[in-house]
Amino acid sequence: MNGVGWDILLVLAVVLIGGFFAAAEMALVSLREGQVRALARRGKRGQRVARLAQDPNRFLSAVQIGVTLATLLSGAFGAALLAGRLKSWMGHHLSLSPDVDSALSLVIVTLVISYFTLVFGELAPKRIALQRSERVSMLAGPLLDRM
């Protein structure tokens, strides 16, 4: 894989980390009382998840920090790693001024990353979390409990 591929992979990984936090939040806040009681009977892991679900203050700040950092880092990495490469490509293939190349490449990269962040960092993870709230809660809850 070339340098651009690794850069894109890094940005996507950070977006998916943000998606993990978004899914965790949605899964935990969408659990119904009966589900929380059932989770509490599933051993220590389930008890930790049940405690978190009953007291959202224990995890909401960690989730918000995780989502915010992932969003900021994906934008920063994208701007630093990808906008320069796109500017270089545009300079060779389009007859625009260097200032226009710089501005346009930054806008394009920002829009693409924003789209992927919205879809893969927010909407899809939250949809999955709503459909599989118990499973996602059991996966993410213990990690959030440690934060």
N, C-alpha and C. Protein backbone atom coordinates (compact mmCIF):
# COMPACT_ATOMS: atom_id res chain seq x y z
N MET A 1 0.85 -1.17 0.00
CA MET A 1 0.00 0.00 0.00
C MET A 1 0.90 1.23 0.00
N ASN A 2 0.54 2.23 -0.82
CA ASN A 2 1.35 3.44 -0.91
C ASN A 2 1.04 4.41 0.23
N GLY A 3 1.74 5.52 0.26
CA GLY A 3 1.57 6.50 1.33
C GLY A 3 0.17 7.06 1.43
N VAL A 4 -0.45 7.32 0.29
CA VAL A 4 -1.81 7.86 0.30
C VAL A 4 -2.77 6.85 0.91
N GLY A 5 -2.59 5.58 0.58
CA GLY A 5 -3.45 4.53 1.14
C GLY A 5 -3.35 4.47 2.65
N TRP A 6 -2.13 4.57 3.16
CA TRP A 6 -1.94 4.56 4.62
C TRP A 6 -2.56 5.79 5.27
N ASP A 7 -2.43 6.93 4.61
CA ASP A 7 -3.03 8.17 5.14
C ASP A 7 -4.55 8.05 5.21
N ILE A 8 -5.14 7.53 4.15
CA ILE A 8 -6.60 7.35 4.13
C ILE A 8 -7.02 6.35 5.20
N LEU A 9 -6.25 5.28 5.32
CA LEU A 9 -6.55 4.27 6.34
C LEU A 9 -6.48 4.86 7.75
N LEU A 10 -5.50 5.71 8.00
CA LEU A 10 -5.38 6.35 9.31
C LEU A 10 -6.60 7.23 9.60
N VAL A 11 -7.00 8.03 8.63
CA VAL A 11 -8.16 8.90 8.82
C VAL A 11 -9.42 8.06 9.05
N LEU A 12 -9.60 7.00 8.27
CA LEU A 12 -10.77 6.13 8.45
C LEU A 12 -10.75 5.44 9.81
N ALA A 13 -9.57 5.04 10.26
CA ALA A 13 -9.46 4.40 11.58
C ALA A 13 -9.91 5.35 12.68
N VAL A 14 -9.50 6.60 12.58
CA VAL A 14 -9.90 7.58 13.59
C VAL A 14 -11.40 7.83 13.52
N VAL A 15 -11.96 7.88 12.32
CA VAL A 15 -13.41 8.03 12.17
C VAL A 15 -14.14 6.86 12.82
N LEU A 16 -13.64 5.64 12.60
CA LEU A 16 -14.27 4.45 13.18
C LEU A 16 -14.15 4.43 14.70
N ILE A 17 -13.07 4.96 15.24
CA ILE A 17 -12.94 5.07 16.70
C ILE A 17 -14.03 6.00 17.23
N GLY A 18 -14.26 7.10 16.55
CA GLY A 18 -15.36 7.98 16.93
C GLY A 18 -16.70 7.27 16.83
N GLY A 19 -16.84 6.42 15.82
CA GLY A 19 -18.05 5.63 15.66
C GLY A 19 -18.27 4.67 16.80
N PHE A 20 -17.18 4.11 17.32
CA PHE A 20 -17.27 3.23 18.48
C PHE A 20 -17.90 3.97 19.66
N PHE A 21 -17.43 5.18 19.92
CA PHE A 21 -17.96 5.96 21.04
C PHE A 21 -19.42 6.36 20.80
N ALA A 22 -19.74 6.74 19.57
CA ALA A 22 -21.13 7.10 19.25
C ALA A 22 -22.06 5.90 19.43
N ALA A 23 -21.60 4.73 18.98
CA ALA A 23 -22.41 3.52 19.13
C ALA A 23 -22.58 3.15 20.60
N ALA A 24 -21.50 3.27 21.35
CA ALA A 24 -21.56 2.94 22.78
C ALA A 24 -22.58 3.82 23.49
N GLU A 25 -22.55 5.10 23.20
CA GLU A 25 -23.50 6.01 23.84
C GLU A 25 -24.94 5.63 23.49
N MET A 26 -25.21 5.42 22.22
CA MET A 26 -26.57 5.11 21.79
C MET A 26 -27.04 3.78 22.39
N ALA A 27 -26.17 2.80 22.40
CA ALA A 27 -26.55 1.48 22.93
C ALA A 27 -26.89 1.58 24.41
N LEU A 28 -26.07 2.27 25.17
CA LEU A 28 -26.29 2.34 26.61
C LEU A 28 -27.52 3.16 26.98
N VAL A 29 -27.75 4.25 26.28
CA VAL A 29 -28.92 5.07 26.63
C VAL A 29 -30.22 4.49 26.10
N SER A 30 -30.14 3.57 25.14
CA SER A 30 -31.37 3.00 24.58
C SER A 30 -31.80 1.70 25.26
N LEU A 31 -30.99 1.20 26.20
CA LEU A 31 -31.38 -0.02 26.91
C LEU A 31 -32.63 0.23 27.75
N ARG A 32 -33.57 -0.69 27.66
CA ARG A 32 -34.77 -0.61 28.49
C ARG A 32 -34.46 -1.26 29.85
N GLU A 33 -35.29 -0.96 30.82
CA GLU A 33 -35.06 -1.45 32.19
C GLU A 33 -34.97 -2.98 32.23
N GLY A 34 -35.81 -3.66 31.49
CA GLY A 34 -35.77 -5.12 31.46
C GLY A 34 -34.46 -5.64 30.88
N GLN A 35 -33.94 -4.96 29.88
CA GLN A 35 -32.66 -5.35 29.30
C GLN A 35 -31.53 -5.13 30.30
N VAL A 36 -31.60 -4.03 31.03
CA VAL A 36 -30.56 -3.74 32.04
C VAL A 36 -30.56 -4.83 33.11
N ARG A 37 -31.74 -5.23 33.56
CA ARG A 37 -31.82 -6.30 34.57
C ARG A 37 -31.27 -7.62 34.00
N ALA A 38 -31.59 -7.91 32.75
CA ALA A 38 -31.09 -9.14 32.13
C ALA A 38 -29.57 -9.10 32.00
N LEU A 39 -29.03 -7.96 31.65
CA LEU A 39 -27.57 -7.83 31.54
C LEU A 39 -26.90 -8.03 32.89
N ALA A 40 -27.52 -7.51 33.94
CA ALA A 40 -26.94 -7.63 35.28
C ALA A 40 -26.82 -9.08 35.72
N ARG A 41 -27.65 -9.95 35.15
CA ARG A 41 -27.59 -11.38 35.50
C ARG A 41 -26.56 -12.15 34.67
N ARG A 42 -25.86 -11.47 33.78
CA ARG A 42 -24.89 -12.14 32.89
C ARG A 42 -23.46 -12.13 33.43
N GLY A 43 -23.30 -11.97 34.69
CA GLY A 43 -21.95 -12.00 35.26
C GLY A 43 -21.39 -10.61 35.48
N LYS A 44 -20.09 -10.58 35.78
CA LYS A 44 -19.45 -9.31 36.14
C LYS A 44 -19.51 -8.28 35.00
N ARG A 45 -19.26 -8.73 33.80
CA ARG A 45 -19.30 -7.81 32.66
C ARG A 45 -20.69 -7.20 32.53
N GLY A 46 -21.72 -8.01 32.61
CA GLY A 46 -23.09 -7.52 32.53
C GLY A 46 -23.44 -6.59 33.67
N GLN A 47 -22.91 -6.87 34.86
CA GLN A 47 -23.17 -6.00 36.01
C GLN A 47 -22.53 -4.63 35.79
N ARG A 48 -21.33 -4.61 35.21
CA ARG A 48 -20.67 -3.32 34.93
C ARG A 48 -21.50 -2.51 33.94
N VAL A 49 -21.98 -3.19 32.90
CA VAL A 49 -22.79 -2.51 31.89
C VAL A 49 -24.09 -2.00 32.52
N ALA A 50 -24.71 -2.80 33.36
CA ALA A 50 -25.95 -2.39 34.02
C ALA A 50 -25.72 -1.16 34.90
N ARG A 51 -24.61 -1.13 35.64
CA ARG A 51 -24.30 0.05 36.47
C ARG A 51 -24.13 1.29 35.60
N LEU A 52 -23.45 1.13 34.48
CA LEU A 52 -23.27 2.27 33.57
C LEU A 52 -24.61 2.76 33.03
N ALA A 53 -25.43 1.83 32.58
CA ALA A 53 -26.72 2.20 31.98
C ALA A 53 -27.62 2.91 32.98
N GLN A 54 -27.50 2.55 34.24
CA GLN A 54 -28.34 3.16 35.27
C GLN A 54 -27.82 4.53 35.70
N ASP A 55 -26.57 4.84 35.39
CA ASP A 55 -25.99 6.12 35.77
C ASP A 55 -25.22 6.70 34.57
N PRO A 56 -25.93 7.31 33.63
CA PRO A 56 -25.29 7.82 32.42
C PRO A 56 -24.17 8.84 32.67
N ASN A 57 -24.20 9.52 33.80
CA ASN A 57 -23.14 10.48 34.10
C ASN A 57 -21.77 9.82 34.15
N ARG A 58 -21.75 8.51 34.39
CA ARG A 58 -20.47 7.80 34.48
C ARG A 58 -19.80 7.62 33.12
N PHE A 59 -20.56 7.69 32.03
CA PHE A 59 -19.94 7.44 30.73
C PHE A 59 -20.14 8.54 29.70
N LEU A 60 -21.10 9.43 29.90
CA LEU A 60 -21.39 10.43 28.87
C LEU A 60 -20.22 11.37 28.60
N SER A 61 -19.49 11.76 29.62
CA SER A 61 -18.35 12.65 29.38
C SER A 61 -17.24 11.91 28.63
N ALA A 62 -17.00 10.65 28.96
CA ALA A 62 -15.99 9.86 28.24
C ALA A 62 -16.38 9.70 26.78
N VAL A 63 -17.65 9.45 26.53
CA VAL A 63 -18.14 9.31 25.16
C VAL A 63 -17.96 10.62 24.40
N GLN A 64 -18.34 11.72 25.02
CA GLN A 64 -18.23 13.01 24.34
C GLN A 64 -16.78 13.36 24.04
N ILE A 65 -15.88 13.08 24.97
CA ILE A 65 -14.46 13.33 24.73
C ILE A 65 -13.97 12.45 23.58
N GLY A 66 -14.35 11.18 23.57
CA GLY A 66 -13.93 10.27 22.51
C GLY A 66 -14.43 10.71 21.14
N VAL A 67 -15.69 11.07 21.04
CA VAL A 67 -16.27 11.50 19.76
C VAL A 67 -15.60 12.80 19.30
N THR A 68 -15.44 13.74 20.21
CA THR A 68 -14.84 15.03 19.85
C THR A 68 -13.40 14.88 19.41
N LEU A 69 -12.61 14.11 20.16
CA LEU A 69 -11.22 13.90 19.77
C LEU A 69 -11.11 13.19 18.42
N ALA A 70 -11.93 12.19 18.21
CA ALA A 70 -11.89 11.48 16.93
C ALA A 70 -12.25 12.41 15.77
N THR A 71 -13.25 13.25 15.97
CA THR A 71 -13.64 14.18 14.92
C THR A 71 -12.53 15.19 14.63
N LEU A 72 -11.96 15.75 15.69
CA LEU A 72 -10.87 16.71 15.51
C LEU A 72 -9.65 16.07 14.85
N LEU A 73 -9.29 14.88 15.31
CA LEU A 73 -8.10 14.22 14.76
C LEU A 73 -8.31 13.80 13.31
N SER A 74 -9.49 13.33 12.97
CA SER A 74 -9.72 12.94 11.57
C SER A 74 -9.61 14.16 10.66
N GLY A 75 -10.15 15.28 11.10
CA GLY A 75 -10.03 16.51 10.32
C GLY A 75 -8.60 17.01 10.23
N ALA A 76 -7.89 16.96 11.35
CA ALA A 76 -6.50 17.42 11.37
C ALA A 76 -5.61 16.52 10.52
N PHE A 77 -5.75 15.20 10.69
CA PHE A 77 -4.95 14.27 9.88
C PHE A 77 -5.29 14.43 8.40
N GLY A 78 -6.57 14.57 8.11
CA GLY A 78 -6.97 14.74 6.72
C GLY A 78 -6.38 15.99 6.10
N ALA A 79 -6.47 17.09 6.84
CA ALA A 79 -5.92 18.34 6.33
C ALA A 79 -4.41 18.25 6.17
N ALA A 80 -3.74 17.68 7.15
CA ALA A 80 -2.28 17.62 7.12
C ALA A 80 -1.77 16.60 6.10
N LEU A 81 -2.42 15.45 6.02
CA LEU A 81 -1.89 14.36 5.20
C LEU A 81 -2.46 14.33 3.79
N LEU A 82 -3.73 14.62 3.64
CA LEU A 82 -4.38 14.41 2.35
C LEU A 82 -4.53 15.68 1.51
N ALA A 83 -4.77 16.81 2.16
CA ALA A 83 -4.99 18.04 1.39
C ALA A 83 -3.74 18.42 0.60
N GLY A 84 -2.57 18.24 1.18
CA GLY A 84 -1.32 18.54 0.47
C GLY A 84 -1.13 17.65 -0.75
N ARG A 85 -1.47 16.37 -0.60
CA ARG A 85 -1.35 15.45 -1.74
C ARG A 85 -2.34 15.81 -2.84
N LEU A 86 -3.56 16.17 -2.45
CA LEU A 86 -4.55 16.57 -3.44
C LEU A 86 -4.13 17.86 -4.12
N LYS A 87 -3.57 18.79 -3.37
CA LYS A 87 -3.09 20.05 -3.95
C LYS A 87 -2.02 19.77 -4.99
N SER A 88 -1.11 18.87 -4.66
CA SER A 88 -0.05 18.52 -5.60
C SER A 88 -0.63 17.91 -6.88
N TRP A 89 -1.58 17.01 -6.71
CA TRP A 89 -2.22 16.38 -7.87
C TRP A 89 -2.94 17.43 -8.72
N MET A 90 -3.66 18.32 -8.04
CA MET A 90 -4.39 19.37 -8.75
C MET A 90 -3.43 20.29 -9.50
N GLY A 91 -2.27 20.57 -8.89
CA GLY A 91 -1.28 21.42 -9.53
C GLY A 91 -0.76 20.83 -10.83
N HIS A 92 -0.69 19.51 -10.89
CA HIS A 92 -0.20 18.84 -12.10
C HIS A 92 -1.29 18.63 -13.15
N HIS A 93 -2.53 18.54 -12.73
CA HIS A 93 -3.60 18.16 -13.66
C HIS A 93 -4.60 19.27 -13.98
N LEU A 94 -4.63 20.30 -13.20
CA LEU A 94 -5.56 21.40 -13.44
C LEU A 94 -4.76 22.69 -13.60
N SER A 95 -5.27 23.60 -14.34
CA SER A 95 -4.54 24.86 -14.52
C SER A 95 -5.16 25.94 -13.63
N LEU A 96 -4.93 25.77 -12.34
CA LEU A 96 -5.41 26.73 -11.35
C LEU A 96 -4.21 27.36 -10.67
N SER A 97 -4.43 28.49 -10.04
CA SER A 97 -3.33 29.12 -9.31
C SER A 97 -3.03 28.30 -8.06
N PRO A 98 -1.81 28.38 -7.54
CA PRO A 98 -1.46 27.63 -6.33
C PRO A 98 -2.36 27.96 -5.14
N ASP A 99 -2.78 29.21 -5.02
CA ASP A 99 -3.68 29.58 -3.92
C ASP A 99 -5.03 28.90 -4.05
N VAL A 100 -5.54 28.83 -5.26
CA VAL A 100 -6.82 28.16 -5.50
C VAL A 100 -6.66 26.66 -5.24
N ASP A 101 -5.55 26.08 -5.70
CA ASP A 101 -5.27 24.66 -5.44
C ASP A 101 -5.30 24.38 -3.94
N SER A 102 -4.64 25.23 -3.16
CA SER A 102 -4.58 25.03 -1.70
C SER A 102 -5.96 25.10 -1.08
N ALA A 103 -6.69 26.15 -1.40
CA ALA A 103 -8.01 26.33 -0.80
C ALA A 103 -8.97 25.23 -1.23
N LEU A 104 -8.98 24.93 -2.52
CA LEU A 104 -9.90 23.93 -3.05
C LEU A 104 -9.59 22.54 -2.50
N SER A 105 -8.32 22.20 -2.41
CA SER A 105 -7.96 20.87 -1.88
C SER A 105 -8.38 20.74 -0.42
N LEU A 106 -8.21 21.80 0.36
CA LEU A 106 -8.62 21.76 1.76
C LEU A 106 -10.14 21.63 1.89
N VAL A 107 -10.88 22.35 1.07
CA VAL A 107 -12.34 22.27 1.10
C VAL A 107 -12.80 20.88 0.70
N ILE A 108 -12.23 20.32 -0.36
CA ILE A 108 -12.63 18.99 -0.82
C ILE A 108 -12.34 17.94 0.24
N VAL A 109 -11.14 17.96 0.80
CA VAL A 109 -10.77 16.97 1.82
C VAL A 109 -11.68 17.12 3.04
N THR A 110 -11.95 18.34 3.45
CA THR A 110 -12.82 18.57 4.61
C THR A 110 -14.23 18.05 4.35
N LEU A 111 -14.77 18.29 3.17
CA LEU A 111 -16.11 17.80 2.85
C LEU A 111 -16.17 16.28 2.81
N VAL A 112 -15.16 15.66 2.21
CA VAL A 112 -15.14 14.19 2.13
C VAL A 112 -15.02 13.58 3.52
N ILE A 113 -14.12 14.12 4.33
CA ILE A 113 -13.96 13.59 5.69
C ILE A 113 -15.23 13.85 6.51
N SER A 114 -15.85 14.99 6.33
CA SER A 114 -17.10 15.28 7.05
C SER A 114 -18.18 14.28 6.68
N TYR A 115 -18.28 13.95 5.41
CA TYR A 115 -19.26 12.97 4.96
C TYR A 115 -18.99 11.61 5.60
N PHE A 116 -17.74 11.15 5.53
CA PHE A 116 -17.40 9.85 6.11
C PHE A 116 -17.58 9.85 7.62
N THR A 117 -17.29 10.97 8.26
CA THR A 117 -17.49 11.07 9.70
C THR A 117 -18.98 10.98 10.03
N LEU A 118 -19.79 11.65 9.27
CA LEU A 118 -21.23 11.62 9.50
C LEU A 118 -21.79 10.21 9.31
N VAL A 119 -21.40 9.56 8.21
CA VAL A 119 -21.95 8.24 7.90
C VAL A 119 -21.34 7.15 8.77
N PHE A 120 -20.00 7.06 8.80
CA PHE A 120 -19.33 5.95 9.49
C PHE A 120 -18.95 6.25 10.93
N GLY A 121 -19.00 7.52 11.31
CA GLY A 121 -18.67 7.89 12.68
C GLY A 121 -19.88 8.23 13.53
N GLU A 122 -21.03 8.39 12.89
CA GLU A 122 -22.24 8.74 13.63
C GLU A 122 -23.45 7.89 13.23
N LEU A 123 -23.93 8.06 12.00
CA LEU A 123 -25.21 7.45 11.61
C LEU A 123 -25.19 5.93 11.63
N ALA A 124 -24.26 5.32 10.93
CA ALA A 124 -24.22 3.85 10.88
C ALA A 124 -23.96 3.23 12.25
N PRO A 125 -22.98 3.74 13.02
CA PRO A 125 -22.77 3.14 14.35
C PRO A 125 -23.99 3.28 15.26
N LYS A 126 -24.66 4.42 15.20
CA LYS A 126 -25.84 4.60 16.05
C LYS A 126 -26.98 3.69 15.61
N ARG A 127 -27.13 3.51 14.33
CA ARG A 127 -28.17 2.61 13.81
C ARG A 127 -27.91 1.18 14.26
N ILE A 128 -26.67 0.75 14.13
CA ILE A 128 -26.29 -0.60 14.59
C ILE A 128 -26.52 -0.74 16.09
N ALA A 129 -26.14 0.29 16.83
CA ALA A 129 -26.30 0.25 18.29
C ALA A 129 -27.77 0.16 18.69
N LEU A 130 -28.63 0.84 17.97
CA LEU A 130 -30.06 0.75 18.28
C LEU A 130 -30.61 -0.65 17.99
N GLN A 131 -30.12 -1.26 16.94
CA GLN A 131 -30.59 -2.60 16.56
C GLN A 131 -30.02 -3.69 17.46
N ARG A 132 -28.84 -3.46 18.00
CA ARG A 132 -28.17 -4.47 18.82
C ARG A 132 -27.65 -3.85 20.11
N SER A 133 -28.55 -3.20 20.84
CA SER A 133 -28.12 -2.43 22.01
C SER A 133 -27.46 -3.28 23.08
N GLU A 134 -27.97 -4.48 23.32
CA GLU A 134 -27.36 -5.33 24.36
C GLU A 134 -25.95 -5.76 23.95
N ARG A 135 -25.80 -6.22 22.73
CA ARG A 135 -24.49 -6.69 22.27
C ARG A 135 -23.46 -5.56 22.27
N VAL A 136 -23.84 -4.40 21.74
CA VAL A 136 -22.92 -3.26 21.70
C VAL A 136 -22.60 -2.79 23.11
N SER A 137 -23.58 -2.78 23.99
CA SER A 137 -23.36 -2.38 25.38
C SER A 137 -22.38 -3.32 26.07
N MET A 138 -22.54 -4.61 25.83
CA MET A 138 -21.63 -5.59 26.45
C MET A 138 -20.21 -5.45 25.90
N LEU A 139 -20.08 -5.05 24.65
CA LEU A 139 -18.76 -4.86 24.06
C LEU A 139 -18.11 -3.57 24.56
N ALA A 140 -18.85 -2.48 24.54
CA ALA A 140 -18.28 -1.17 24.83
C ALA A 140 -18.33 -0.78 26.30
N GLY A 141 -19.31 -1.28 27.03
CA GLY A 141 -19.51 -0.85 28.41
C GLY A 141 -18.30 -0.99 29.31
N PRO A 142 -17.67 -2.16 29.36
CA PRO A 142 -16.52 -2.30 30.26
C PRO A 142 -15.38 -1.33 29.94
N LEU A 143 -15.16 -1.04 28.66
CA LEU A 143 -14.12 -0.08 28.31
C LEU A 143 -14.50 1.32 28.80
N LEU A 144 -15.74 1.71 28.60
CA LEU A 144 -16.18 3.02 29.07
C LEU A 144 -16.16 3.10 30.59
N ASP A 145 -16.41 1.99 31.25
CA ASP A 145 -16.40 1.97 32.71
C ASP A 145 -15.00 2.26 33.26
N ARG A 146 -13.98 1.94 32.48
CA ARG A 146 -12.60 2.17 32.91
C ARG A 146 -12.13 3.60 32.65
N MET A 147 -12.87 4.32 31.83
CA MET A 147 -12.42 5.67 31.44
C MET A 147 -12.81 6.72 32.45
